[in-house]
């Protein structure tokens, strides 16, 4: 049995980064606007895919879309366990 590591590394095939040394395996896209975050559950189970569409706020009754996702290239932080997409949201949405 190999101990899990909370570490994100540059991707070996496509995408920007991958965390594959834990129970859950996660792949991060190079560009958050055009890409999909993919996660494989433990034991090769379900494959989950997620795409960030925007930033919104909800108070439980009302909700508002604040900003839409725009092109942003992911960077692995020095901690080695986080990916950041700077300036990932376009200017505010009026409505």
PDB file of N, CA and C in Angstrom:
ATOM      1  N   UNK A   1       0.838  -1.171   0.000  1.00  0.00           N
ATOM      2  CA  UNK A   1       0.000   0.000   0.000  1.00  0.00           C
ATOM      3  C   UNK A   1       0.891   1.244   0.000  1.00  0.00           C
ATOM      4  N   UNK A   2       0.560   2.211  -0.842  1.00  0.00           N
ATOM      5  CA  UNK A   2       1.323   3.448  -0.951  1.00  0.00           C
ATOM      6  C   UNK A   2       0.560   4.562  -0.260  1.00  0.00           C
ATOM      7  N   UNK A   3       1.270   5.351   0.551  1.00  0.00           N
ATOM      8  CA  UNK A   3       0.629   6.467   1.247  1.00  0.00           C
ATOM      9  C   UNK A   3       0.267   7.566   0.257  1.00  0.00           C
ATOM     10  N   UNK A   4      -0.890   8.159   0.438  1.00  0.00           N
ATOM     11  CA  UNK A   4      -1.369   9.211  -0.445  1.00  0.00           C
ATOM     12  C   UNK A   4      -0.581  10.502  -0.229  1.00  0.00           C
ATOM     13  N   UNK A   5      -0.424  11.278  -1.301  1.00  0.00           N
ATOM     14  CA  UNK A   5       0.297  12.551  -1.243  1.00  0.00           C
ATOM     15  C   UNK A   5      -0.609  13.666  -1.725  1.00  0.00           C
ATOM     16  N   UNK A   6      -0.612  14.762  -0.994  1.00  0.00           N
ATOM     17  CA  UNK A   6      -1.388  15.942  -1.366  1.00  0.00           C
ATOM     18  C   UNK A   6      -0.501  16.800  -2.261  1.00  0.00           C
ATOM     19  N   UNK A   7      -0.330  16.363  -3.503  1.00  0.00           N
ATOM     20  CA  UNK A   7       0.609  17.016  -4.409  1.00  0.00           C
ATOM     21  C   UNK A   7       0.033  17.101  -5.810  1.00  0.00           C
ATOM     22  N   UNK A   8       0.187  18.289  -6.407  1.00  0.00           N
ATOM     23  CA  UNK A   8      -0.245  18.509  -7.785  1.00  0.00           C
ATOM     24  C   UNK A   8       1.008  18.720  -8.621  1.00  0.00           C
ATOM     25  N   UNK A   9       1.089  18.001  -9.727  1.00  0.00           N
ATOM     26  CA  UNK A   9       2.266  18.049 -10.596  1.00  0.00           C
ATOM     27  C   UNK A   9       1.865  18.482 -11.999  1.00  0.00           C
ATOM     28  N   UNK A  10       2.823  18.984 -12.791  1.00  0.00           N
ATOM     29  CA  UNK A  10       2.510  19.260 -14.205  1.00  0.00           C
ATOM     30  C   UNK A  10       1.993  17.984 -14.860  1.00  0.00           C
ATOM     31  N   UNK A  11       1.009  18.123 -15.709  1.00  0.00           N
ATOM     32  CA  UNK A  11       0.377  16.971 -16.345  1.00  0.00           C
ATOM     33  C   UNK A  11       1.314  16.275 -17.320  1.00  0.00           C
ATOM     34  N   UNK A  12       1.163  14.950 -17.406  1.00  0.00           N
ATOM     35  CA  UNK A  12       1.984  14.180 -18.335  1.00  0.00           C
ATOM     36  C   UNK A  12       1.326  14.091 -19.707  1.00  0.00           C
ATOM     37  N   UNK A  13      -0.011  14.239 -19.761  1.00  0.00           N
ATOM     38  CA  UNK A  13      -0.719  14.160 -21.045  1.00  0.00           C
ATOM     39  C   UNK A  13      -1.897  15.125 -21.040  1.00  0.00           C
ATOM     40  N   UNK A  14      -1.805  16.176 -21.833  1.00  0.00           N
ATOM     41  CA  UNK A  14      -2.899  17.147 -21.912  1.00  0.00           C
ATOM     42  C   UNK A  14      -3.118  17.851 -20.583  1.00  0.00           C
ATOM     43  N   UNK A  15      -3.820  18.946 -20.602  1.00  0.00           N
ATOM     44  CA  UNK A  15      -4.105  19.667 -19.370  1.00  0.00           C
ATOM     45  C   UNK A  15      -2.890  20.357 -18.799  1.00  0.00           C
ATOM     46  N   UNK A  16      -3.076  20.985 -17.661  1.00  0.00           N
ATOM     47  CA  UNK A  16      -2.005  21.752 -17.034  1.00  0.00           C
ATOM     48  C   UNK A  16      -1.397  21.034 -15.849  1.00  0.00           C
ATOM     49  N   UNK A  17      -2.246  20.345 -15.088  1.00  0.00           N
ATOM     50  CA  UNK A  17      -1.757  19.743 -13.855  1.00  0.00           C
ATOM     51  C   UNK A  17      -2.595  18.524 -13.488  1.00  0.00           C
ATOM     52  N   UNK A  18      -2.003  17.688 -12.629  1.00  0.00           N
ATOM     53  CA  UNK A  18      -2.713  16.495 -12.181  1.00  0.00           C
ATOM     54  C   UNK A  18      -2.325  16.152 -10.752  1.00  0.00           C
ATOM     55  N   UNK A  19      -3.290  15.669 -10.020  1.00  0.00           N
ATOM     56  CA  UNK A  19      -3.074  15.161  -8.667  1.00  0.00           C
ATOM     57  C   UNK A  19      -3.462  13.691  -8.718  1.00  0.00           C
ATOM     58  N   UNK A  20      -2.477  12.831  -8.838  1.00  0.00           N
ATOM     59  CA  UNK A  20      -2.762  11.408  -9.039  1.00  0.00           C
ATOM     60  C   UNK A  20      -2.155  10.504  -7.969  1.00  0.00           C
ATOM     61  N   UNK A  21      -1.707  11.102  -6.847  1.00  0.00           N
ATOM     62  CA  UNK A  21      -1.075  10.308  -5.802  1.00  0.00           C
ATOM     63  C   UNK A  21      -1.946  10.183  -4.560  1.00  0.00           C
ATOM     64  N   UNK A  22      -3.262  10.279  -4.748  1.00  0.00           N
ATOM     65  CA  UNK A  22      -4.202  10.139  -3.644  1.00  0.00           C
ATOM     66  C   UNK A  22      -5.326   9.198  -4.036  1.00  0.00           C
ATOM     67  N   UNK A  23      -6.300   9.035  -3.144  1.00  0.00           N
ATOM     68  CA  UNK A  23      -7.431   8.164  -3.450  1.00  0.00           C
ATOM     69  C   UNK A  23      -8.231   8.710  -4.625  1.00  0.00           C
ATOM     70  N   UNK A  24      -8.465  10.028  -4.625  1.00  0.00           N
ATOM     71  CA  UNK A  24      -9.152  10.684  -5.727  1.00  0.00           C
ATOM     72  C   UNK A  24      -8.088  11.212  -6.681  1.00  0.00           C
ATOM     73  N   UNK A  25      -8.285  11.048  -7.951  1.00  0.00           N
ATOM     74  CA  UNK A  25      -7.330  11.530  -8.943  1.00  0.00           C
ATOM     75  C   UNK A  25      -7.990  12.688  -9.690  1.00  0.00           C
ATOM     76  N   UNK A  26      -7.267  13.815  -9.784  1.00  0.00           N
ATOM     77  CA  UNK A  26      -7.846  15.024 -10.372  1.00  0.00           C
ATOM     78  C   UNK A  26      -6.926  15.563 -11.460  1.00  0.00           C
ATOM     79  N   UNK A  27      -7.534  15.975 -12.580  1.00  0.00           N
ATOM     80  CA  UNK A  27      -6.806  16.598 -13.682  1.00  0.00           C
ATOM     81  C   UNK A  27      -7.368  17.993 -13.896  1.00  0.00           C
ATOM     82  N   UNK A  28      -6.475  18.977 -13.965  1.00  0.00           N
ATOM     83  CA  UNK A  28      -6.858  20.368 -14.141  1.00  0.00           C
ATOM     84  C   UNK A  28      -6.529  20.814 -15.557  1.00  0.00           C
ATOM     85  N   UNK A  29      -7.430  21.552 -16.213  1.00  0.00           N
ATOM     86  CA  UNK A  29      -7.161  22.001 -17.584  1.00  0.00           C
ATOM     87  C   UNK A  29      -6.138  23.131 -17.609  1.00  0.00           C
ATOM     88  N   UNK A  30      -5.495  23.296 -18.743  1.00  0.00           N
ATOM     89  CA  UNK A  30      -4.558  24.400 -18.892  1.00  0.00           C
ATOM     90  C   UNK A  30      -5.311  25.729 -18.837  1.00  0.00           C
ATOM     91  N   UNK A  31      -6.395  25.846 -19.584  1.00  0.00           N
ATOM     92  CA  UNK A  31      -7.209  27.060 -19.617  1.00  0.00           C
ATOM     93  C   UNK A  31      -8.569  26.740 -19.001  1.00  0.00           C
ATOM     94  N   UNK A  32      -8.924  27.417 -17.921  1.00  0.00           N
ATOM     95  CA  UNK A  32     -10.163  27.124 -17.211  1.00  0.00           C
ATOM     96  C   UNK A  32     -11.401  27.414 -18.060  1.00  0.00           C
ATOM     97  N   UNK A  33     -11.316  28.350 -19.006  1.00  0.00           N
ATOM     98  CA  UNK A  33     -12.462  28.693 -19.845  1.00  0.00           C
ATOM     99  C   UNK A  33     -12.793  27.580 -20.834  1.00  0.00           C
ATOM    100  N   UNK A  34     -11.782  27.013 -21.449  1.00  0.00           N
ATOM    101  CA  UNK A  34     -11.981  25.985 -22.468  1.00  0.00           C
ATOM    102  C   UNK A  34     -11.880  24.564 -21.933  1.00  0.00           C
ATOM    103  N   UNK A  35     -11.516  24.416 -20.675  1.00  0.00           N
ATOM    104  CA  UNK A  35     -11.243  23.079 -20.159  1.00  0.00           C
ATOM    105  C   UNK A  35     -12.251  22.568 -19.153  1.00  0.00           C
ATOM    106  N   UNK A  36     -12.014  21.338 -18.742  1.00  0.00           N
ATOM    107  CA  UNK A  36     -12.867  20.644 -17.785  1.00  0.00           C
ATOM    108  C   UNK A  36     -11.985  20.066 -16.687  1.00  0.00           C
ATOM    109  N   UNK A  37     -12.413  20.220 -15.440  1.00  0.00           N
ATOM    110  CA  UNK A  37     -11.728  19.584 -14.319  1.00  0.00           C
ATOM    111  C   UNK A  37     -12.319  18.181 -14.209  1.00  0.00           C
ATOM    112  N   UNK A  38     -11.457  17.168 -14.193  1.00  0.00           N
ATOM    113  CA  UNK A  38     -11.911  15.782 -14.161  1.00  0.00           C
ATOM    114  C   UNK A  38     -11.416  15.113 -12.885  1.00  0.00           C
ATOM    115  N   UNK A  39     -12.305  14.368 -12.231  1.00  0.00           N
ATOM    116  CA  UNK A  39     -11.921  13.653 -11.017  1.00  0.00           C
ATOM    117  C   UNK A  39     -12.380  12.203 -11.128  1.00  0.00           C
ATOM    118  N   UNK A  40     -11.484  11.285 -10.771  1.00  0.00           N
ATOM    119  CA  UNK A  40     -11.814   9.869 -10.723  1.00  0.00           C
ATOM    120  C   UNK A  40     -11.925   9.474  -9.252  1.00  0.00           C
ATOM    121  N   UNK A  41     -13.025   8.850  -8.909  1.00  0.00           N
ATOM    122  CA  UNK A  41     -13.263   8.424  -7.535  1.00  0.00           C
ATOM    123  C   UNK A  41     -12.347   7.243  -7.192  1.00  0.00           C
ATOM    124  N   UNK A  42     -12.186   6.957  -5.884  1.00  0.00           N
ATOM    125  CA  UNK A  42     -11.320   5.848  -5.469  1.00  0.00           C
ATOM    126  C   UNK A  42     -11.673   4.534  -6.171  1.00  0.00           C
ATOM    127  N   UNK A  43     -10.688   3.698  -6.334  1.00  0.00           N
ATOM    128  CA  UNK A  43     -10.826   2.382  -6.969  1.00  0.00           C
ATOM    129  C   UNK A  43     -11.288   2.467  -8.416  1.00  0.00           C
ATOM    130  N   UNK A  44     -10.989   3.597  -9.096  1.00  0.00           N
ATOM    131  CA  UNK A  44     -11.343   3.723 -10.503  1.00  0.00           C
ATOM    132  C   UNK A  44     -12.834   3.816 -10.743  1.00  0.00           C
ATOM    133  N   UNK A  45     -13.592   4.178  -9.720  1.00  0.00           N
ATOM    134  CA  UNK A  45     -15.053   4.261  -9.816  1.00  0.00           C
ATOM    135  C   UNK A  45     -15.507   5.348 -10.765  1.00  0.00           C
ATOM    136  N   UNK A  46     -16.475   6.106 -10.346  1.00  0.00           N
ATOM    137  CA  UNK A  46     -17.075   7.131 -11.187  1.00  0.00           C
ATOM    138  C   UNK A  46     -16.073   8.199 -11.613  1.00  0.00           C
ATOM    139  N   UNK A  47     -16.319   8.735 -12.806  1.00  0.00           N
ATOM    140  CA  UNK A  47     -15.525   9.842 -13.339  1.00  0.00           C
ATOM    141  C   UNK A  47     -16.421  11.072 -13.324  1.00  0.00           C
ATOM    142  N   UNK A  48     -16.011  12.102 -12.596  1.00  0.00           N
ATOM    143  CA  UNK A  48     -16.783  13.332 -12.502  1.00  0.00           C
ATOM    144  C   UNK A  48     -16.102  14.418 -13.323  1.00  0.00           C
ATOM    145  N   UNK A  49     -16.889  15.198 -14.033  1.00  0.00           N
ATOM    146  CA  UNK A  49     -16.352  16.297 -14.832  1.00  0.00           C
ATOM    147  C   UNK A  49     -17.047  17.577 -14.413  1.00  0.00           C
ATOM    148  N   UNK A  50     -16.273  18.654 -14.299  1.00  0.00           N
ATOM    149  CA  UNK A  50     -16.809  19.926 -13.846  1.00  0.00           C
ATOM    150  C   UNK A  50     -16.252  21.051 -14.703  1.00  0.00           C
ATOM    151  N   UNK A  51     -17.113  22.001 -15.030  1.00  0.00           N
ATOM    152  CA  UNK A  51     -16.679  23.169 -15.802  1.00  0.00           C
ATOM    153  C   UNK A  51     -17.157  24.409 -15.079  1.00  0.00           C
ATOM    154  N   UNK A  52     -16.259  25.344 -14.831  1.00  0.00           N
ATOM    155  CA  UNK A  52     -16.599  26.590 -14.160  1.00  0.00           C
ATOM    156  C   UNK A  52     -17.228  27.519 -15.191  1.00  0.00           C
ATOM    157  N   UNK A  53     -18.470  27.927 -14.951  1.00  0.00           N
ATOM    158  CA  UNK A  53     -19.182  28.793 -15.888  1.00  0.00           C
ATOM    159  C   UNK A  53     -19.155  30.250 -15.466  1.00  0.00           C
ATOM    160  N   UNK A  54     -19.072  30.504 -14.165  1.00  0.00           N
ATOM    161  CA  UNK A  54     -19.078  31.878 -13.695  1.00  0.00           C
ATOM    162  C   UNK A  54     -19.045  31.932 -12.183  1.00  0.00           C
ATOM    163  N   UNK A  55     -19.256  33.132 -11.673  1.00  0.00           N
ATOM    164  CA  UNK A  55     -19.259  33.394 -10.242  1.00  0.00           C
ATOM    165  C   UNK A  55     -20.622  33.982  -9.900  1.00  0.00           C
ATOM    166  N   UNK A  56     -21.290  33.393  -8.924  1.00  0.00           N
ATOM    167  CA  UNK A  56     -22.615  33.882  -8.570  1.00  0.00           C
ATOM    168  C   UNK A  56     -22.754  33.970  -7.053  1.00  0.00           C
ATOM    169  N   UNK A  57     -23.807  34.657  -6.628  1.00  0.00           N
ATOM    170  CA  UNK A  57     -24.106  34.805  -5.206  1.00  0.00           C
ATOM    171  C   UNK A  57     -25.566  34.436  -4.991  1.00  0.00           C
ATOM    172  N   UNK A  58     -25.840  33.742  -3.889  1.00  0.00           N
ATOM    173  CA  UNK A  58     -27.207  33.387  -3.551  1.00  0.00           C
ATOM    174  C   UNK A  58     -27.405  33.571  -2.054  1.00  0.00           C
ATOM    175  N   UNK A  59     -28.545  34.161  -1.675  1.00  0.00           N
ATOM    176  CA  UNK A  59     -28.868  34.314  -0.256  1.00  0.00           C
ATOM    177  C   UNK A  59     -29.890  33.281   0.192  1.00  0.00           C
ATOM    178  N   UNK A  60     -30.152  32.294  -0.641  1.00  0.00           N
ATOM    179  CA  UNK A  60     -31.118  31.253  -0.335  1.00  0.00           C
ATOM    180  C   UNK A  60     -32.457  31.482  -1.012  1.00  0.00           C
ATOM    181  N   UNK A  61     -32.735  32.709  -1.371  1.00  0.00           N
ATOM    182  CA  UNK A  61     -33.977  33.045  -2.068  1.00  0.00           C
ATOM    183  C   UNK A  61     -33.664  33.650  -3.430  1.00  0.00           C
ATOM    184  N   UNK A  62     -32.786  34.613  -3.425  1.00  0.00           N
ATOM    185  CA  UNK A  62     -32.394  35.308  -4.655  1.00  0.00           C
ATOM    186  C   UNK A  62     -30.978  34.915  -5.039  1.00  0.00           C
ATOM    187  N   UNK A  63     -30.701  34.954  -6.327  1.00  0.00           N
ATOM    188  CA  UNK A  63     -29.336  34.709  -6.786  1.00  0.00           C
ATOM    189  C   UNK A  63     -29.015  35.668  -7.922  1.00  0.00           C
ATOM    190  N   UNK A  64     -27.733  35.946  -8.057  1.00  0.00           N
ATOM    191  CA  UNK A  64     -27.294  36.861  -9.105  1.00  0.00           C
ATOM    192  C   UNK A  64     -25.980  36.348  -9.689  1.00  0.00           C
ATOM    193  N   UNK A  65     -25.858  36.422 -11.004  1.00  0.00           N
ATOM    194  CA  UNK A  65     -24.613  36.065 -11.687  1.00  0.00           C
ATOM    195  C   UNK A  65     -23.718  37.294 -11.663  1.00  0.00           C
ATOM    196  N   UNK A  66     -22.546  37.173 -11.065  1.00  0.00           N
ATOM    197  CA  UNK A  66     -21.646  38.306 -10.887  1.00  0.00           C
ATOM    198  C   UNK A  66     -20.681  38.440 -12.060  1.00  0.00           C
ATOM    199  N   UNK A  67     -20.113  37.321 -12.498  1.00  0.00           N
ATOM    200  CA  UNK A  67     -19.130  37.366 -13.587  1.00  0.00           C
ATOM    201  C   UNK A  67     -19.086  36.027 -14.311  1.00  0.00           C
ATOM    202  N   UNK A  68     -18.739  36.077 -15.572  1.00  0.00           N
ATOM    203  CA  UNK A  68     -18.586  34.875 -16.386  1.00  0.00           C
ATOM    204  C   UNK A  68     -17.116  34.499 -16.485  1.00  0.00           C
ATOM    205  N   UNK A  69     -16.842  33.218 -16.674  1.00  0.00           N
ATOM    206  CA  UNK A  69     -15.472  32.736 -16.818  1.00  0.00           C
ATOM    207  C   UNK A  69     -14.875  33.253 -18.125  1.00  0.00           C
ATOM    208  N   UNK A  70     -13.587  33.563 -18.087  1.00  0.00           N
ATOM    209  CA  UNK A  70     -12.856  33.970 -19.279  1.00  0.00           C
ATOM    210  C   UNK A  70     -11.547  33.182 -19.329  1.00  0.00           C
ATOM    211  N   UNK A  71     -10.785  33.336 -20.379  1.00  0.00           N
ATOM    212  CA  UNK A  71      -9.534  32.592 -20.521  1.00  0.00           C
ATOM    213  C   UNK A  71      -8.584  32.885 -19.364  1.00  0.00           C
ATOM    214  N   UNK A  72      -8.033  31.835 -18.789  1.00  0.00           N
ATOM    215  CA  UNK A  72      -7.060  31.953 -17.705  1.00  0.00           C
ATOM    216  C   UNK A  72      -6.256  30.660 -17.650  1.00  0.00           C
ATOM    217  N   UNK A  73      -4.955  30.795 -17.682  1.00  0.00           N
ATOM    218  CA  UNK A  73      -4.047  29.642 -17.658  1.00  0.00           C
ATOM    219  C   UNK A  73      -3.728  29.277 -16.212  1.00  0.00           C
ATOM    220  N   UNK A  74      -3.893  28.007 -15.873  1.00  0.00           N
ATOM    221  CA  UNK A  74      -3.648  27.535 -14.514  1.00  0.00           C
ATOM    222  C   UNK A  74      -2.174  27.498 -14.158  1.00  0.00           C
ATOM    223  N   UNK A  75      -1.898  27.786 -12.886  1.00  0.00           N
ATOM    224  CA  UNK A  75      -0.535  27.732 -12.359  1.00  0.00           C
ATOM    225  C   UNK A  75      -0.547  26.958 -11.047  1.00  0.00           C
ATOM    226  N   UNK A  76       0.415  26.067 -10.874  1.00  0.00           N
ATOM    227  CA  UNK A  76       0.546  25.326  -9.622  1.00  0.00           C
ATOM    228  C   UNK A  76       1.250  26.246  -8.634  1.00  0.00           C
ATOM    229  N   UNK A  77       0.657  26.437  -7.454  1.00  0.00           N
ATOM    230  CA  UNK A  77       1.272  27.288  -6.438  1.00  0.00           C
ATOM    231  C   UNK A  77       2.493  26.612  -5.835  1.00  0.00           C
ATOM    232  N   UNK A  78       3.351  27.400  -5.212  1.00  0.00           N
ATOM    233  CA  UNK A  78       4.582  26.867  -4.615  1.00  0.00           C
ATOM    234  C   UNK A  78       4.302  25.801  -3.556  1.00  0.00           C
ATOM    235  N   UNK A  79       3.138  25.873  -2.917  1.00  0.00           N
ATOM    236  CA  UNK A  79       2.774  24.862  -1.912  1.00  0.00           C
ATOM    237  C   UNK A  79       2.692  23.475  -2.544  1.00  0.00           C
ATOM    238  N   UNK A  80       2.455  23.440  -3.878  1.00  0.00           N
ATOM    239  CA  UNK A  80       2.375  22.170  -4.588  1.00  0.00           C
ATOM    240  C   UNK A  80       1.054  21.446  -4.434  1.00  0.00           C
ATOM    241  N   UNK A  81       0.078  22.068  -3.750  1.00  0.00           N
ATOM    242  CA  UNK A  81      -1.201  21.382  -3.580  1.00  0.00           C
ATOM    243  C   UNK A  81      -2.407  22.248  -3.961  1.00  0.00           C
ATOM    244  N   UNK A  82      -2.166  23.286  -4.775  1.00  0.00           N
ATOM    245  CA  UNK A  82      -3.249  24.126  -5.264  1.00  0.00           C
ATOM    246  C   UNK A  82      -2.926  24.608  -6.675  1.00  0.00           C
ATOM    247  N   UNK A  83      -3.991  24.752  -7.476  1.00  0.00           N
ATOM    248  CA  UNK A  83      -3.867  25.344  -8.807  1.00  0.00           C
ATOM    249  C   UNK A  83      -4.661  26.635  -8.773  1.00  0.00           C
ATOM    250  N   UNK A  84      -4.091  27.716  -9.293  1.00  0.00           N
ATOM    251  CA  UNK A  84      -4.781  28.998  -9.322  1.00  0.00           C
ATOM    252  C   UNK A  84      -4.938  29.456 -10.767  1.00  0.00           C
ATOM    253  N   UNK A  85      -6.096  30.020 -11.046  1.00  0.00           N
ATOM    254  CA  UNK A  85      -6.383  30.592 -12.360  1.00  0.00           C
ATOM    255  C   UNK A  85      -6.605  32.093 -12.125  1.00  0.00           C
ATOM    256  N   UNK A  86      -5.584  32.892 -12.328  1.00  0.00           N
ATOM    257  CA  UNK A  86      -5.703  34.327 -12.072  1.00  0.00           C
ATOM    258  C   UNK A  86      -6.524  35.002 -13.160  1.00  0.00           C
ATOM    259  N   UNK A  87      -7.257  36.027 -12.784  1.00  0.00           N
ATOM    260  CA  UNK A  87      -8.115  36.786 -13.701  1.00  0.00           C
ATOM    261  C   UNK A  87      -9.028  35.851 -14.503  1.00  0.00           C
ATOM    262  N   UNK A  88      -9.624  34.891 -13.833  1.00  0.00           N
ATOM    263  CA  UNK A  88     -10.453  33.879 -14.501  1.00  0.00           C
ATOM    264  C   UNK A  88     -11.874  34.349 -14.808  1.00  0.00           C
ATOM    265  N   UNK A  89     -12.231  35.538 -14.332  1.00  0.00           N
ATOM    266  CA  UNK A  89     -13.597  36.023 -14.546  1.00  0.00           C
ATOM    267  C   UNK A  89     -13.599  37.348 -15.285  1.00  0.00           C
ATOM    268  N   UNK A  90     -14.533  37.454 -16.241  1.00  0.00           N
ATOM    269  CA  UNK A  90     -14.702  38.687 -17.013  1.00  0.00           C
ATOM    270  C   UNK A  90     -15.373  39.732 -16.114  1.00  0.00           C
ATOM    271  N   UNK A  91     -15.431  40.942 -16.592  1.00  0.00           N
ATOM    272  CA  UNK A  91     -16.053  42.015 -15.817  1.00  0.00           C
ATOM    273  C   UNK A  91     -17.467  41.649 -15.410  1.00  0.00           C
ATOM    274  N   UNK A  92     -17.987  42.340 -14.445  1.00  0.00           N
ATOM    275  CA  UNK A  92     -19.285  42.005 -13.851  1.00  0.00           C
ATOM    276  C   UNK A  92     -20.395  41.989 -14.904  1.00  0.00           C
ATOM    277  N   UNK A  93     -21.382  41.182 -14.618  1.00  0.00           N
ATOM    278  CA  UNK A  93     -22.543  41.043 -15.481  1.00  0.00           C
ATOM    279  C   UNK A  93     -23.624  41.974 -14.936  1.00  0.00           C
ATOM    280  N   UNK A  94     -24.199  42.782 -15.786  1.00  0.00           N
ATOM    281  CA  UNK A  94     -25.265  43.681 -15.330  1.00  0.00           C
ATOM    282  C   UNK A  94     -26.609  43.013 -15.502  1.00  0.00           C
ATOM    283  N   UNK A  95     -27.511  43.281 -14.592  1.00  0.00           N
ATOM    284  CA  UNK A  95     -28.805  42.657 -14.734  1.00  0.00           C
ATOM    285  C   UNK A  95     -29.812  43.079 -13.769  1.00  0.00           C
TER     286      UNK A  95
END
